[in-house]
Amino acid sequence: MLSYSKDTEDIFKRLPNLQVLKFDLKESWDNSTEQYWFPKLDFLTELEELTVYFASSNINDSGSSAAINRQWDFHFPSNLKILLLDKFPLTSNSLSTIARLPNLEELFLYYT
């Protein structure tokens, strides 16, 4: 289970050859930026498969009951081929970011 921490991205930077990554993301709303926090993963140049489960501490932030205008600050690696996001409240801007991934072959969105 990952929560917002400045150390989280440093930990991932120590794993540059990671090809598959799965984690739960909890309590990621950042009041200072008014966006959901998501770890920057664009430096994981070997990452091809990413699975993330969103677990908000706010009962209103899960799935389709989430506020429409909340943004994610996604930084995915460009070579990502498979992406699975579960229970993410996504906006059209977030989906546009995902759509720009040049090597994405499979996209799974559950309860978004």
N, C-alpha and C. Protein backbone atom coordinates (compact mmCIF):
# COMPACT_ATOMS: atom_id res chain seq x y z
N MET A 1 0.86 -1.17 0.00
CA MET A 1 0.00 0.00 0.00
C MET A 1 0.90 1.23 0.00
N LEU A 2 0.75 2.09 -0.98
CA LEU A 2 1.52 3.33 -1.06
C LEU A 2 0.66 4.50 -0.64
N SER A 3 1.24 5.40 0.12
CA SER A 3 0.63 6.68 0.44
C SER A 3 1.60 7.76 0.02
N TYR A 4 1.11 9.00 -0.02
CA TYR A 4 1.97 10.09 -0.45
C TYR A 4 3.20 10.19 0.43
N SER A 5 4.34 10.21 -0.20
CA SER A 5 5.62 10.36 0.49
C SER A 5 6.65 10.80 -0.54
N LYS A 6 7.50 11.71 -0.16
CA LYS A 6 8.57 12.14 -1.06
C LYS A 6 9.56 11.01 -1.30
N ASP A 7 9.63 10.06 -0.37
CA ASP A 7 10.57 8.95 -0.49
C ASP A 7 10.11 7.89 -1.48
N THR A 8 8.82 7.85 -1.78
CA THR A 8 8.29 6.80 -2.65
C THR A 8 8.97 6.81 -4.02
N GLU A 9 9.08 7.97 -4.63
CA GLU A 9 9.70 8.04 -5.94
C GLU A 9 11.18 7.69 -5.87
N ASP A 10 11.84 8.04 -4.78
CA ASP A 10 13.25 7.67 -4.61
C ASP A 10 13.42 6.15 -4.54
N ILE A 11 12.48 5.49 -3.92
CA ILE A 11 12.53 4.03 -3.84
C ILE A 11 12.41 3.43 -5.24
N PHE A 12 11.46 3.93 -6.03
CA PHE A 12 11.29 3.41 -7.39
C PHE A 12 12.53 3.69 -8.25
N LYS A 13 13.19 4.78 -8.02
CA LYS A 13 14.40 5.10 -8.80
C LYS A 13 15.50 4.09 -8.57
N ARG A 14 15.45 3.38 -7.46
CA ARG A 14 16.46 2.35 -7.18
C ARG A 14 16.16 1.03 -7.89
N LEU A 15 15.07 0.99 -8.63
CA LEU A 15 14.65 -0.22 -9.35
C LEU A 15 14.49 0.06 -10.84
N PRO A 16 15.55 0.52 -11.51
CA PRO A 16 15.42 0.96 -12.90
C PRO A 16 15.07 -0.14 -13.90
N ASN A 17 15.32 -1.39 -13.56
CA ASN A 17 15.06 -2.49 -14.50
C ASN A 17 13.71 -3.17 -14.27
N LEU A 18 12.90 -2.59 -13.44
CA LEU A 18 11.58 -3.15 -13.14
C LEU A 18 10.75 -3.25 -14.41
N GLN A 19 10.15 -4.41 -14.65
CA GLN A 19 9.33 -4.61 -15.84
C GLN A 19 7.85 -4.71 -15.52
N VAL A 20 7.51 -5.20 -14.32
CA VAL A 20 6.12 -5.34 -13.89
C VAL A 20 6.00 -4.73 -12.50
N LEU A 21 4.97 -3.91 -12.31
CA LEU A 21 4.77 -3.26 -11.02
C LEU A 21 3.29 -3.27 -10.68
N LYS A 22 2.97 -3.68 -9.44
CA LYS A 22 1.60 -3.69 -8.94
C LYS A 22 1.61 -3.10 -7.54
N PHE A 23 0.67 -2.17 -7.29
CA PHE A 23 0.56 -1.62 -5.94
C PHE A 23 -0.81 -1.03 -5.71
N ASP A 24 -1.14 -0.86 -4.42
CA ASP A 24 -2.35 -0.15 -3.99
C ASP A 24 -1.94 1.26 -3.63
N LEU A 25 -2.73 2.22 -4.03
CA LEU A 25 -2.45 3.63 -3.76
C LEU A 25 -3.51 4.17 -2.82
N LYS A 26 -3.08 4.69 -1.67
CA LYS A 26 -4.04 5.16 -0.67
C LYS A 26 -3.78 6.61 -0.30
N GLU A 27 -4.88 7.31 -0.01
CA GLU A 27 -4.83 8.69 0.50
C GLU A 27 -3.93 9.57 -0.36
N SER A 28 -4.31 9.75 -1.59
CA SER A 28 -3.42 10.44 -2.51
C SER A 28 -3.85 11.86 -2.87
N TRP A 29 -4.88 12.41 -2.23
CA TRP A 29 -5.30 13.78 -2.55
C TRP A 29 -4.29 14.76 -1.99
N ASP A 30 -3.80 15.66 -2.83
CA ASP A 30 -2.83 16.68 -2.44
C ASP A 30 -3.52 18.03 -2.44
N ASN A 31 -3.80 18.56 -1.26
CA ASN A 31 -4.50 19.85 -1.16
C ASN A 31 -3.71 21.00 -1.75
N SER A 32 -2.39 20.91 -1.70
CA SER A 32 -1.57 22.02 -2.21
C SER A 32 -1.67 22.18 -3.73
N THR A 33 -1.85 21.06 -4.45
CA THR A 33 -1.95 21.13 -5.91
C THR A 33 -3.38 20.92 -6.40
N GLU A 34 -4.27 20.54 -5.49
CA GLU A 34 -5.65 20.19 -5.83
C GLU A 34 -5.72 19.12 -6.91
N GLN A 35 -4.84 18.15 -6.77
CA GLN A 35 -4.79 17.00 -7.66
C GLN A 35 -4.54 15.76 -6.82
N TYR A 36 -4.91 14.62 -7.40
CA TYR A 36 -4.50 13.38 -6.78
C TYR A 36 -3.01 13.19 -7.03
N TRP A 37 -2.31 12.70 -6.03
CA TRP A 37 -0.89 12.40 -6.18
C TRP A 37 -0.75 11.00 -6.74
N PHE A 38 0.15 10.87 -7.69
CA PHE A 38 0.49 9.57 -8.25
C PHE A 38 2.00 9.56 -8.40
N PRO A 39 2.69 8.50 -7.99
CA PRO A 39 4.15 8.50 -8.08
C PRO A 39 4.61 8.67 -9.53
N LYS A 40 5.62 9.46 -9.73
CA LYS A 40 6.19 9.63 -11.07
C LYS A 40 6.98 8.38 -11.42
N LEU A 41 6.59 7.77 -12.51
CA LEU A 41 7.20 6.51 -12.93
C LEU A 41 7.87 6.60 -14.29
N ASP A 42 7.91 7.77 -14.89
CA ASP A 42 8.41 7.91 -16.25
C ASP A 42 9.89 7.55 -16.39
N PHE A 43 10.63 7.50 -15.30
CA PHE A 43 12.05 7.14 -15.35
C PHE A 43 12.25 5.62 -15.35
N LEU A 44 11.18 4.84 -15.14
CA LEU A 44 11.28 3.38 -15.18
C LEU A 44 11.18 2.93 -16.64
N THR A 45 12.27 3.05 -17.34
CA THR A 45 12.28 2.86 -18.79
C THR A 45 12.03 1.42 -19.22
N GLU A 46 12.16 0.45 -18.32
CA GLU A 46 11.92 -0.95 -18.66
C GLU A 46 10.51 -1.40 -18.28
N LEU A 47 9.74 -0.55 -17.60
CA LEU A 47 8.42 -0.94 -17.13
C LEU A 47 7.46 -1.13 -18.30
N GLU A 48 6.88 -2.32 -18.38
CA GLU A 48 5.94 -2.64 -19.46
C GLU A 48 4.53 -2.91 -18.96
N GLU A 49 4.40 -3.28 -17.69
CA GLU A 49 3.08 -3.62 -17.15
C GLU A 49 2.89 -2.96 -15.79
N LEU A 50 1.79 -2.23 -15.65
CA LEU A 50 1.50 -1.51 -14.41
C LEU A 50 0.06 -1.78 -13.98
N THR A 51 -0.11 -2.20 -12.73
CA THR A 51 -1.42 -2.43 -12.14
C THR A 51 -1.51 -1.63 -10.85
N VAL A 52 -2.53 -0.76 -10.76
CA VAL A 52 -2.68 0.07 -9.57
C VAL A 52 -4.13 0.05 -9.11
N TYR A 53 -4.31 -0.20 -7.83
CA TYR A 53 -5.62 -0.18 -7.19
C TYR A 53 -5.72 1.06 -6.33
N PHE A 54 -6.73 1.87 -6.55
CA PHE A 54 -6.92 3.10 -5.79
C PHE A 54 -7.78 2.82 -4.56
N ALA A 55 -7.28 3.20 -3.38
CA ALA A 55 -8.01 3.01 -2.13
C ALA A 55 -8.04 4.33 -1.38
N SER A 56 -9.08 5.10 -1.61
CA SER A 56 -9.20 6.41 -0.98
C SER A 56 -9.68 6.28 0.45
N SER A 57 -9.24 7.20 1.28
CA SER A 57 -9.75 7.25 2.65
C SER A 57 -11.08 7.98 2.69
N ASN A 58 -11.44 8.65 1.59
CA ASN A 58 -12.70 9.36 1.48
C ASN A 58 -13.69 8.47 0.76
N ILE A 59 -14.77 8.11 1.42
CA ILE A 59 -15.74 7.19 0.84
C ILE A 59 -16.32 7.70 -0.47
N ASN A 60 -16.35 9.01 -0.68
CA ASN A 60 -16.90 9.58 -1.91
C ASN A 60 -15.92 9.52 -3.09
N ASP A 61 -14.71 9.07 -2.88
CA ASP A 61 -13.69 9.07 -3.92
C ASP A 61 -13.53 7.75 -4.64
N SER A 62 -14.42 6.81 -4.42
CA SER A 62 -14.24 5.53 -5.08
C SER A 62 -15.18 5.40 -6.27
N GLY A 63 -14.63 4.98 -7.37
CA GLY A 63 -15.41 4.69 -8.57
C GLY A 63 -16.24 5.85 -9.07
N SER A 64 -17.44 5.54 -9.53
CA SER A 64 -18.26 6.53 -10.21
C SER A 64 -18.82 7.59 -9.29
N SER A 65 -18.71 7.43 -7.97
CA SER A 65 -19.23 8.44 -7.06
C SER A 65 -18.25 9.59 -6.84
N ALA A 66 -17.08 9.51 -7.44
CA ALA A 66 -16.04 10.53 -7.23
C ALA A 66 -16.41 11.84 -7.90
N ALA A 67 -15.84 12.91 -7.37
CA ALA A 67 -16.05 14.23 -7.97
C ALA A 67 -15.49 14.24 -9.38
N ILE A 68 -16.20 14.87 -10.29
CA ILE A 68 -15.85 14.83 -11.71
C ILE A 68 -14.58 15.62 -12.02
N ASN A 69 -14.32 16.69 -11.32
CA ASN A 69 -13.25 17.61 -11.73
C ASN A 69 -11.93 17.41 -11.00
N ARG A 70 -11.68 16.28 -10.44
CA ARG A 70 -10.39 16.05 -9.77
C ARG A 70 -9.39 15.46 -10.75
N GLN A 71 -8.20 16.00 -10.75
CA GLN A 71 -7.16 15.64 -11.71
C GLN A 71 -6.12 14.71 -11.10
N TRP A 72 -5.51 13.92 -11.96
CA TRP A 72 -4.36 13.09 -11.60
C TRP A 72 -3.12 13.67 -12.26
N ASP A 73 -2.01 13.55 -11.59
CA ASP A 73 -0.74 13.99 -12.15
C ASP A 73 0.04 12.75 -12.58
N PHE A 74 -0.39 12.15 -13.70
CA PHE A 74 0.22 10.92 -14.20
C PHE A 74 1.52 11.21 -14.93
N HIS A 75 2.54 10.40 -14.64
CA HIS A 75 3.81 10.42 -15.37
C HIS A 75 4.20 8.97 -15.61
N PHE A 76 3.64 8.38 -16.66
CA PHE A 76 3.90 6.99 -16.98
C PHE A 76 5.12 6.88 -17.90
N PRO A 77 5.82 5.75 -17.84
CA PRO A 77 6.91 5.54 -18.80
C PRO A 77 6.34 5.35 -20.21
N SER A 78 7.04 5.87 -21.19
CA SER A 78 6.53 5.84 -22.56
C SER A 78 6.47 4.43 -23.15
N ASN A 79 7.24 3.48 -22.59
CA ASN A 79 7.24 2.13 -23.13
C ASN A 79 6.20 1.22 -22.46
N LEU A 80 5.32 1.77 -21.64
CA LEU A 80 4.30 0.98 -20.97
C LEU A 80 3.38 0.31 -22.00
N LYS A 81 3.19 -1.01 -21.86
CA LYS A 81 2.37 -1.76 -22.81
C LYS A 81 1.02 -2.16 -22.22
N ILE A 82 0.99 -2.43 -20.93
CA ILE A 82 -0.24 -2.88 -20.27
C ILE A 82 -0.49 -2.01 -19.05
N LEU A 83 -1.68 -1.45 -18.96
CA LEU A 83 -2.05 -0.59 -17.83
C LEU A 83 -3.40 -1.02 -17.30
N LEU A 84 -3.45 -1.31 -16.00
CA LEU A 84 -4.70 -1.63 -15.32
C LEU A 84 -4.89 -0.66 -14.17
N LEU A 85 -6.00 0.06 -14.19
CA LEU A 85 -6.34 0.99 -13.11
C LEU A 85 -7.69 0.56 -12.54
N ASP A 86 -7.74 0.38 -11.23
CA ASP A 86 -8.96 -0.09 -10.57
C ASP A 86 -9.43 0.93 -9.54
N LYS A 87 -10.69 1.33 -9.67
CA LYS A 87 -11.35 2.28 -8.76
C LYS A 87 -10.75 3.68 -8.81
N PHE A 88 -10.25 4.07 -9.97
CA PHE A 88 -9.69 5.41 -10.14
C PHE A 88 -10.77 6.36 -10.62
N PRO A 89 -10.99 7.48 -9.91
CA PRO A 89 -11.88 8.51 -10.43
C PRO A 89 -11.14 9.32 -11.50
N LEU A 90 -11.40 9.03 -12.76
CA LEU A 90 -10.65 9.64 -13.86
C LEU A 90 -11.45 10.74 -14.55
N THR A 91 -10.74 11.76 -14.99
CA THR A 91 -11.34 12.83 -15.78
C THR A 91 -10.96 12.63 -17.24
N SER A 92 -11.54 13.41 -18.12
CA SER A 92 -11.18 13.31 -19.53
C SER A 92 -9.71 13.70 -19.75
N ASN A 93 -9.18 14.63 -18.96
CA ASN A 93 -7.76 14.98 -19.08
C ASN A 93 -6.86 13.81 -18.69
N SER A 94 -7.25 13.10 -17.64
CA SER A 94 -6.48 11.93 -17.24
C SER A 94 -6.49 10.86 -18.33
N LEU A 95 -7.65 10.65 -18.92
CA LEU A 95 -7.75 9.67 -20.01
C LEU A 95 -6.95 10.11 -21.23
N SER A 96 -6.89 11.40 -21.49
CA SER A 96 -6.08 11.92 -22.60
C SER A 96 -4.60 11.64 -22.37
N THR A 97 -4.15 11.78 -21.13
CA THR A 97 -2.75 11.47 -20.79
C THR A 97 -2.46 10.01 -21.08
N ILE A 98 -3.37 9.13 -20.68
CA ILE A 98 -3.20 7.70 -20.92
C ILE A 98 -3.21 7.42 -22.43
N ALA A 99 -4.09 8.06 -23.16
CA ALA A 99 -4.21 7.84 -24.61
C ALA A 99 -2.94 8.22 -25.37
N ARG A 100 -2.14 9.09 -24.81
CA ARG A 100 -0.90 9.52 -25.48
C ARG A 100 0.27 8.56 -25.27
N LEU A 101 0.07 7.49 -24.51
CA LEU A 101 1.16 6.53 -24.31
C LEU A 101 1.41 5.81 -25.64
N PRO A 102 2.59 6.00 -26.22
CA PRO A 102 2.83 5.52 -27.58
C PRO A 102 2.87 4.01 -27.75
N ASN A 103 3.20 3.26 -26.70
CA ASN A 103 3.34 1.81 -26.82
C ASN A 103 2.26 1.02 -26.10
N LEU A 104 1.24 1.72 -25.60
CA LEU A 104 0.18 1.04 -24.86
C LEU A 104 -0.61 0.11 -25.77
N GLU A 105 -0.67 -1.16 -25.39
CA GLU A 105 -1.38 -2.17 -26.17
C GLU A 105 -2.66 -2.63 -25.48
N GLU A 106 -2.65 -2.63 -24.15
CA GLU A 106 -3.81 -3.11 -23.40
C GLU A 106 -4.12 -2.13 -22.26
N LEU A 107 -5.37 -1.75 -22.16
CA LEU A 107 -5.82 -0.84 -21.11
C LEU A 107 -7.04 -1.45 -20.43
N PHE A 108 -6.96 -1.57 -19.10
CA PHE A 108 -8.06 -2.10 -18.32
C PHE A 108 -8.45 -1.06 -17.28
N LEU A 109 -9.70 -0.63 -17.31
CA LEU A 109 -10.21 0.35 -16.35
C LEU A 109 -11.40 -0.30 -15.64
N TYR A 110 -11.25 -0.52 -14.35
CA TYR A 110 -12.31 -1.14 -13.56
C TYR A 110 -12.86 -0.15 -12.55
N TYR A 111 -14.17 -0.04 -12.51
CA TYR A 111 -14.87 0.82 -11.54
C TYR A 111 -14.34 2.24 -11.56
N THR A 112 -14.16 2.81 -12.74
CA THR A 112 -13.69 4.18 -12.85
C THR A 112 -14.84 5.11 -13.15
